[in-house]
C-alpha atoms as a PDB file:
ATOM      1  CA  PRO A   1     -21.211 -15.057 -21.268  1.00  0.00           C
ATOM      2  CA  ALA A   2     -17.783 -16.574 -21.518  1.00  0.00           C
ATOM      3  CA  THR A   3     -16.337 -13.116 -22.009  1.00  0.00           C
ATOM      4  CA  GLN A   4     -17.245 -11.751 -18.673  1.00  0.00           C
ATOM      5  CA  THR A   5     -14.775 -11.640 -15.692  1.00  0.00           C
ATOM      6  CA  CYS A   6     -15.279 -11.163 -12.116  1.00  0.00           C
ATOM      7  CA  PRO A   7     -13.443  -7.771 -10.704  1.00  0.00           C
ATOM      8  CA  PHE A   8     -13.928  -8.847  -7.058  1.00  0.00           C
ATOM      9  CA  GLU A   9     -11.332  -9.734  -4.572  1.00  0.00           C
ATOM     10  CA  SER A  10     -13.440 -12.191  -2.788  1.00  0.00           C
ATOM     11  CA  TYR A  11     -14.162 -14.234  -5.978  1.00  0.00           C
ATOM     12  CA  HIS A  12     -10.521 -14.638  -6.950  1.00  0.00           C
ATOM     13  CA  ARG A  13      -9.311 -15.213  -3.298  1.00  0.00           C
ATOM     14  CA  ALA A  14     -11.841 -17.559  -1.995  1.00  0.00           C
ATOM     15  CA  PRO A  15     -11.503 -21.248  -2.203  1.00  0.00           C
ATOM     16  CA  ARG A  16     -14.226 -22.723  -4.448  1.00  0.00           C
ATOM     17  CA  PRO A  17     -17.238 -24.559  -2.559  1.00  0.00           C
ATOM     18  CA  ALA A  18     -16.918 -28.286  -2.520  1.00  0.00           C
ATOM     19  CA  SER A  19     -20.364 -28.727  -4.249  1.00  0.00           C
ATOM     20  CA  PRO A  20     -22.131 -26.549  -6.961  1.00  0.00           C
ATOM     21  CA  GLU A  21     -24.707 -25.753  -4.390  1.00  0.00           C
ATOM     22  CA  GLY A  22     -22.238 -24.433  -1.977  1.00  0.00           C
ATOM     23  CA  SER A  23     -22.467 -20.873  -1.039  1.00  0.00           C
ATOM     24  CA  PHE A  24     -19.608 -18.127  -1.337  1.00  0.00           C
ATOM     25  CA  ALA A  25     -21.750 -15.592   0.916  1.00  0.00           C
ATOM     26  CA  PRO A  26     -19.606 -15.949   4.075  1.00  0.00           C
ATOM     27  CA  LEU A  27     -16.321 -15.762   2.185  1.00  0.00           C
ATOM     28  CA  LEU A  28     -17.541 -12.718   0.151  1.00  0.00           C
ATOM     29  CA  ALA A  29     -18.592 -10.928   3.231  1.00  0.00           C
ATOM     30  CA  TYR A  30     -15.185 -11.460   4.719  1.00  0.00           C
ATOM     31  CA  ALA A  31     -13.205 -10.201   1.888  1.00  0.00           C
ATOM     32  CA  ALA A  32     -15.577  -7.151   1.728  1.00  0.00           C
ATOM     33  CA  GLY A  33     -15.427  -6.536   5.444  1.00  0.00           C
ATOM     34  CA  ALA A  34     -11.409  -6.840   5.391  1.00  0.00           C
ATOM     35  CA  VAL A  35     -10.910  -4.102   2.837  1.00  0.00           C
ATOM     36  CA  ARG A  36     -13.783  -2.095   4.257  1.00  0.00           C
ATOM     37  CA  GLN A  37     -11.991  -2.148   7.742  1.00  0.00           C
ATOM     38  CA  THR A  38      -8.738  -0.826   5.991  1.00  0.00           C
ATOM     39  CA  TYR A  39     -10.799   1.759   4.413  1.00  0.00           C
ATOM     40  CA  ARG A  40     -12.148   3.005   7.475  1.00  0.00           C
ATOM     41  CA  SER A  41      -8.859   2.842   9.460  1.00  0.00           C
ATOM     42  CA  TRP A  42      -7.867   5.776   7.244  1.00  0.00           C
ATOM     43  CA  GLY A  43     -11.231   7.355   7.622  1.00  0.00           C
ATOM     44  CA  LEU A  44     -12.166   6.909   3.845  1.00  0.00           C
ATOM     45  CA  ARG A  45     -15.152   5.570   1.917  1.00  0.00           C
ATOM     46  CA  PRO A  46     -14.115   4.843  -1.603  1.00  0.00           C
ATOM     47  CA  GLU A  47     -17.092   2.645  -2.310  1.00  0.00           C
ATOM     48  CA  GLU A  48     -19.387   5.750  -2.074  1.00  0.00           C
ATOM     49  CA  GLU A  49     -17.626   7.288  -5.022  1.00  0.00           C
ATOM     50  CA  THR A  50     -17.473   4.084  -7.099  1.00  0.00           C
ATOM     51  CA  GLN A  51     -20.798   2.893  -6.143  1.00  0.00           C
ATOM     52  CA  GLU A  52     -19.446  -0.546  -6.095  1.00  0.00           C
ATOM     53  CA  VAL A  53     -18.927  -3.072  -3.266  1.00  0.00           C
ATOM     54  CA  PRO A  54     -15.605  -2.736  -1.061  1.00  0.00           C
ATOM     55  CA  ASP A  55     -13.672  -5.318  -2.854  1.00  0.00           C
ATOM     56  CA  HIS A  56     -14.517  -4.395  -6.502  1.00  0.00           C
ATOM     57  CA  ALA A  57     -11.306  -3.561  -8.506  1.00  0.00           C
ATOM     58  CA  ALA A  58     -12.520  -0.067  -9.102  1.00  0.00           C
ATOM     59  CA  THR A  59     -13.051   0.573  -5.306  1.00  0.00           C
ATOM     60  CA  GLU A  60      -9.783  -0.866  -4.368  1.00  0.00           C
ATOM     61  CA  LEU A  61      -7.898   1.429  -6.897  1.00  0.00           C
ATOM     62  CA  ARG A  62      -9.842   4.177  -5.697  1.00  0.00           C
ATOM     63  CA  PHE A  63      -8.599   3.746  -2.241  1.00  0.00           C
ATOM     64  CA  MET A  64      -5.121   3.675  -3.536  1.00  0.00           C
ATOM     65  CA  ALA A  65      -5.911   6.965  -5.226  1.00  0.00           C
ATOM     66  CA  MET A  66      -6.998   8.500  -2.209  1.00  0.00           C
ATOM     67  CA  LEU A  67      -3.858   7.293  -0.298  1.00  0.00           C
ATOM     68  CA  VAL A  68      -1.867   8.989  -2.952  1.00  0.00           C
ATOM     69  CA  ALA A  69      -3.649  12.201  -2.596  1.00  0.00           C
ATOM     70  CA  ILE A  70      -3.117  12.085   1.101  1.00  0.00           C
ATOM     71  CA  GLU A  71       0.619  11.464   0.288  1.00  0.00           C
ATOM     72  CA  SER A  72       0.732  14.462  -2.012  1.00  0.00           C
ATOM     73  CA  GLN A  73      -0.693  16.759   0.526  1.00  0.00           C
ATOM     74  CA  LEU A  74       1.730  15.618   3.191  1.00  0.00           C
ATOM     75  CA  GLY A  75       4.516  16.328   0.815  1.00  0.00           C
ATOM     76  CA  TYR A  76       3.835  19.814   1.226  1.00  0.00           C
ATOM     77  CA  GLY A  77       4.156  20.156   4.679  1.00  0.00           C
ATOM     78  CA  GLY A  78       3.500  16.862   6.664  1.00  0.00           C
ATOM     79  CA  GLU A  79       5.827  15.243   9.127  1.00  0.00           C
ATOM     80  CA  ASP A  80       8.256  12.580   7.882  1.00  0.00           C
ATOM     81  CA  TRP A  81       6.461   9.948   9.972  1.00  0.00           C
ATOM     82  CA  GLN A  82       2.986  10.601   8.522  1.00  0.00           C
ATOM     83  CA  LEU A  83       4.384  10.310   5.082  1.00  0.00           C
ATOM     84  CA  ALA A  84       6.114   7.084   5.939  1.00  0.00           C
ATOM     85  CA  ALA A  85       2.844   5.718   7.273  1.00  0.00           C
ATOM     86  CA  VAL A  86       0.929   6.694   4.193  1.00  0.00           C
ATOM     87  CA  LEU A  87       3.698   4.933   2.022  1.00  0.00           C
ATOM     88  CA  ARG A  88       3.553   1.853   4.113  1.00  0.00           C
ATOM     89  CA  ALA A  89      -0.166   1.812   3.798  1.00  0.00           C
ATOM     90  CA  GLN A  90       0.056   1.758   0.075  1.00  0.00           C
ATOM     91  CA  ALA A  91       2.551  -0.875  -0.056  1.00  0.00           C
ATOM     92  CA  ASP A  92       0.525  -3.041   2.510  1.00  0.00           C
ATOM     93  CA  PHE A  93      -2.702  -2.619   0.683  1.00  0.00           C
ATOM     94  CA  LEU A  94      -1.148  -3.552  -2.624  1.00  0.00           C
ATOM     95  CA  ASP A  95       0.645  -6.640  -0.981  1.00  0.00           C
ATOM     96  CA  GLN A  96      -2.332  -7.771   1.057  1.00  0.00           C
ATOM     97  CA  HIS A  97      -5.016  -7.143  -1.357  1.00  0.00           C
ATOM     98  CA  ILE A  98      -4.548  -5.908  -4.924  1.00  0.00           C
ATOM     99  CA  LEU A  99      -1.460  -7.855  -5.800  1.00  0.00           C
ATOM    100  CA  ALA A 100      -2.809 -10.897  -4.384  1.00  0.00           C
ATOM    101  CA  TRP A 101      -5.785 -11.060  -6.849  1.00  0.00           C
ATOM    102  CA  PHE A 102      -5.449  -8.582  -9.593  1.00  0.00           C
ATOM    103  CA  PRO A 103      -2.851 -10.725 -11.472  1.00  0.00           C
ATOM    104  CA  ALA A 104      -5.355 -13.626 -11.647  1.00  0.00           C
ATOM    105  CA  TRP A 105      -8.135 -11.405 -12.879  1.00  0.00           C
ATOM    106  CA  ILE A 106      -5.840  -9.631 -15.318  1.00  0.00           C
ATOM    107  CA  ALA A 107      -5.163 -12.924 -16.838  1.00  0.00           C
ATOM    108  CA  THR A 108      -8.601 -13.843 -17.073  1.00  0.00           C
ATOM    109  CA  VAL A 109      -9.513 -10.489 -18.946  1.00  0.00           C
ATOM    110  CA  GLN A 110      -6.529 -11.027 -21.325  1.00  0.00           C
ATOM    111  CA  ALA A 111      -7.700 -14.584 -22.009  1.00  0.00           C
ATOM    112  CA  ARG A 112     -11.439 -13.597 -22.463  1.00  0.00           C
ATOM    113  CA  ALA A 113     -11.298 -10.016 -23.977  1.00  0.00           C
ATOM    114  CA  ARG A 114     -12.806  -9.974 -27.444  1.00  0.00           C
ATOM    115  CA  LEU A 115     -11.545  -6.442 -28.005  1.00  0.00           C
ATOM    116  CA  PRO A 116      -7.725  -5.655 -28.023  1.00  0.00           C
ATOM    117  CA  PHE A 117      -8.643  -2.496 -26.017  1.00  0.00           C
ATOM    118  CA  TYR A 118      -9.458  -4.366 -22.847  1.00  0.00           C
ATOM    119  CA  ARG A 119      -6.421  -6.759 -23.168  1.00  0.00           C
ATOM    120  CA  THR A 120      -4.014  -3.375 -23.628  1.00  0.00           C
ATOM    121  CA  LEU A 121      -6.010  -1.782 -20.814  1.00  0.00           C
ATOM    122  CA  VAL A 122      -5.128  -4.623 -18.232  1.00  0.00           C
ATOM    123  CA  HIS A 123      -1.745  -5.122 -19.539  1.00  0.00           C
ATOM    124  CA  LEU A 124      -0.964  -1.330 -18.795  1.00  0.00           C
ATOM    125  CA  LEU A 125      -2.839  -1.815 -15.342  1.00  0.00           C
ATOM    126  CA  ALA A 126      -0.385  -4.794 -14.596  1.00  0.00           C
ATOM    127  CA  ARG A 127       2.716  -2.752 -15.558  1.00  0.00           C
ATOM    128  CA  PHE A 128       1.576   0.100 -13.546  1.00  0.00           C
ATOM    129  CA  LEU A 129       0.916  -2.031 -10.309  1.00  0.00           C
ATOM    130  CA  GLU A 130       4.390  -3.524 -10.773  1.00  0.00           C
ATOM    131  CA  ARG A 131       6.080  -0.077 -11.080  1.00  0.00           C
ATOM    132  CA  ASP A 132       4.023   1.311  -8.237  1.00  0.00           C
ATOM    133  CA  ARG A 133       5.160  -1.422  -5.792  1.00  0.00           C
ATOM    134  CA  ARG A 134       8.851  -1.012  -7.035  1.00  0.00           C
ATOM    135  CA  THR A 135       8.486   2.719  -6.420  1.00  0.00           C
ATOM    136  CA  LEU A 136       7.086   2.144  -2.997  1.00  0.00           C
ATOM    137  CA  THR A 137       9.765  -0.337  -2.161  1.00  0.00           C
ATOM    138  CA  LEU A 138      12.358   2.438  -3.188  1.00  0.00           C
ATOM    139  CA  LEU A 139      10.626   5.229  -1.462  1.00  0.00           C
ATOM    140  CA  LEU A 140      10.293   3.215   1.898  1.00  0.00           C
ATOM    141  CA  GLY A 141      13.884   1.918   1.621  1.00  0.00           C
ATOM    142  CA  ALA A 142      15.214   5.556   0.872  1.00  0.00           C
ATOM    143  CA  ARG A 143      12.976   6.936   3.936  1.00  0.00           C
ATOM    144  CA  GLU A 144      14.292   4.164   6.245  1.00  0.00           C
ATOM    145  CA  LEU A 145      17.961   4.794   5.262  1.00  0.00           C
ATOM    146  CA  SER A 146      17.290   8.782   5.572  1.00  0.00           C
ATOM    147  CA  SER A 147      15.800   7.994   9.214  1.00  0.00           C
ATOM    148  CA  ALA A 148      18.840   5.789  10.078  1.00  0.00           C
ATOM    149  CA  LEU A 149      21.317   8.485   8.883  1.00  0.00           C
ATOM    150  CA  ALA A 150      19.422  11.213  10.963  1.00  0.00           C
ATOM    151  CA  ARG A 151      19.633   9.091  13.992  1.00  0.00           C
ATOM    152  CA  ILE A 152      23.434   8.623  13.267  1.00  0.00           C
ATOM    153  CA  GLU A 153      23.904  12.344  12.839  1.00  0.00           C
ATOM    154  CA  ASN A 154      22.043  13.273  15.942  1.00  0.00           C
ATOM    155  CA  ALA A 155      23.445  10.767  18.067  1.00  0.00           C
ATOM    156  CA  SER A 156      25.891  12.174  20.789  1.00  0.00           C
ATOM    157  CA  PRO A 157      28.698   9.870  21.194  1.00  0.00           C
ATOM    158  CA  ARG A 158      30.608  10.108  24.449  1.00  0.00           C
ATOM    159  CA  ASP A 159      34.269  10.927  24.826  1.00  0.00           C
ATOM    160  CA  SER A 160      35.264   7.516  25.918  1.00  0.00           C
ATOM    161  CA  ALA A 161      38.897   8.617  26.233  1.00  0.00           C
ATOM    162  CA  SER A 162      38.335  10.978  29.077  1.00  0.00           C
ATOM    163  CA  GLY A 163      35.100   9.652  30.380  1.00  0.00           C
ATOM    164  CA  ALA A 164      34.099  13.284  30.756  1.00  0.00           C
ATOM    165  CA  GLY A 165      30.886  12.886  28.578  1.00  0.00           C
ATOM    166  CA  VAL A 166      31.931  15.593  26.131  1.00  0.00           C
ATOM    167  CA  HIS A 167      29.378  15.949  23.550  1.00  0.00           C
ATOM    168  CA  PRO A 168      30.274  17.549  19.998  1.00  0.00           C
ATOM    169  CA  GLY A 169      29.250  20.981  19.847  1.00  0.00           C
ATOM    170  CA  ASP A 170      29.375  21.455  23.678  1.00  0.00           C
ATOM    171  CA  SER A 171      32.108  23.825  24.339  1.00  0.00           C
ATOM    172  CA  ASN A 172      31.798  24.115  28.203  1.00  0.00           C
ATOM    173  CA  LYS A 173      31.202  20.494  29.109  1.00  0.00           C
ATOM    174  CA  GLY A 174      34.092  18.633  30.435  1.00  0.00           C
ATOM    175  CA  ASP A 175      36.411  21.841  30.276  1.00  0.00           C
ATOM    176  CA  PRO A 176      38.386  21.794  33.508  1.00  0.00           C
ATOM    177  CA  SER A 177      38.707  25.656  33.605  1.00  0.00           C
END
């Protein structure tokens, strides 16, 4: 029916076949393979939980939820670099996959949905994705700033006036006595 939409990344990102009898199969396999590879790089299998193909909207959102769960666990004792890697993975997956096709899918749902519930649901999803991306940008920026400040604080400037190589906090180095 005209009210159905297609919640698959491969459908929205693949160029249309030149002829009606053209096949999407190779393109579909590529998109599903690309997201599956990302899932496996994290040792995750969200499609097993959603019972959908890897590039289905529910599966991609489940993967993001899994990354958020990892982020939450790391917040209670992980290393900074690990947390930064998870935040970067979330931002990259949003940019390279979800935000590359969800807006078109959301627009289709809003245009075709018969019930206001679905229009409202995808509207909220769109706002959430925008806010999530902004938050990730802020968190990654804050982490980069924090990391840069830590490098500056841990730097050991040389005493260029005496050439003695005195380091702050070193009471004996460079002392002629």
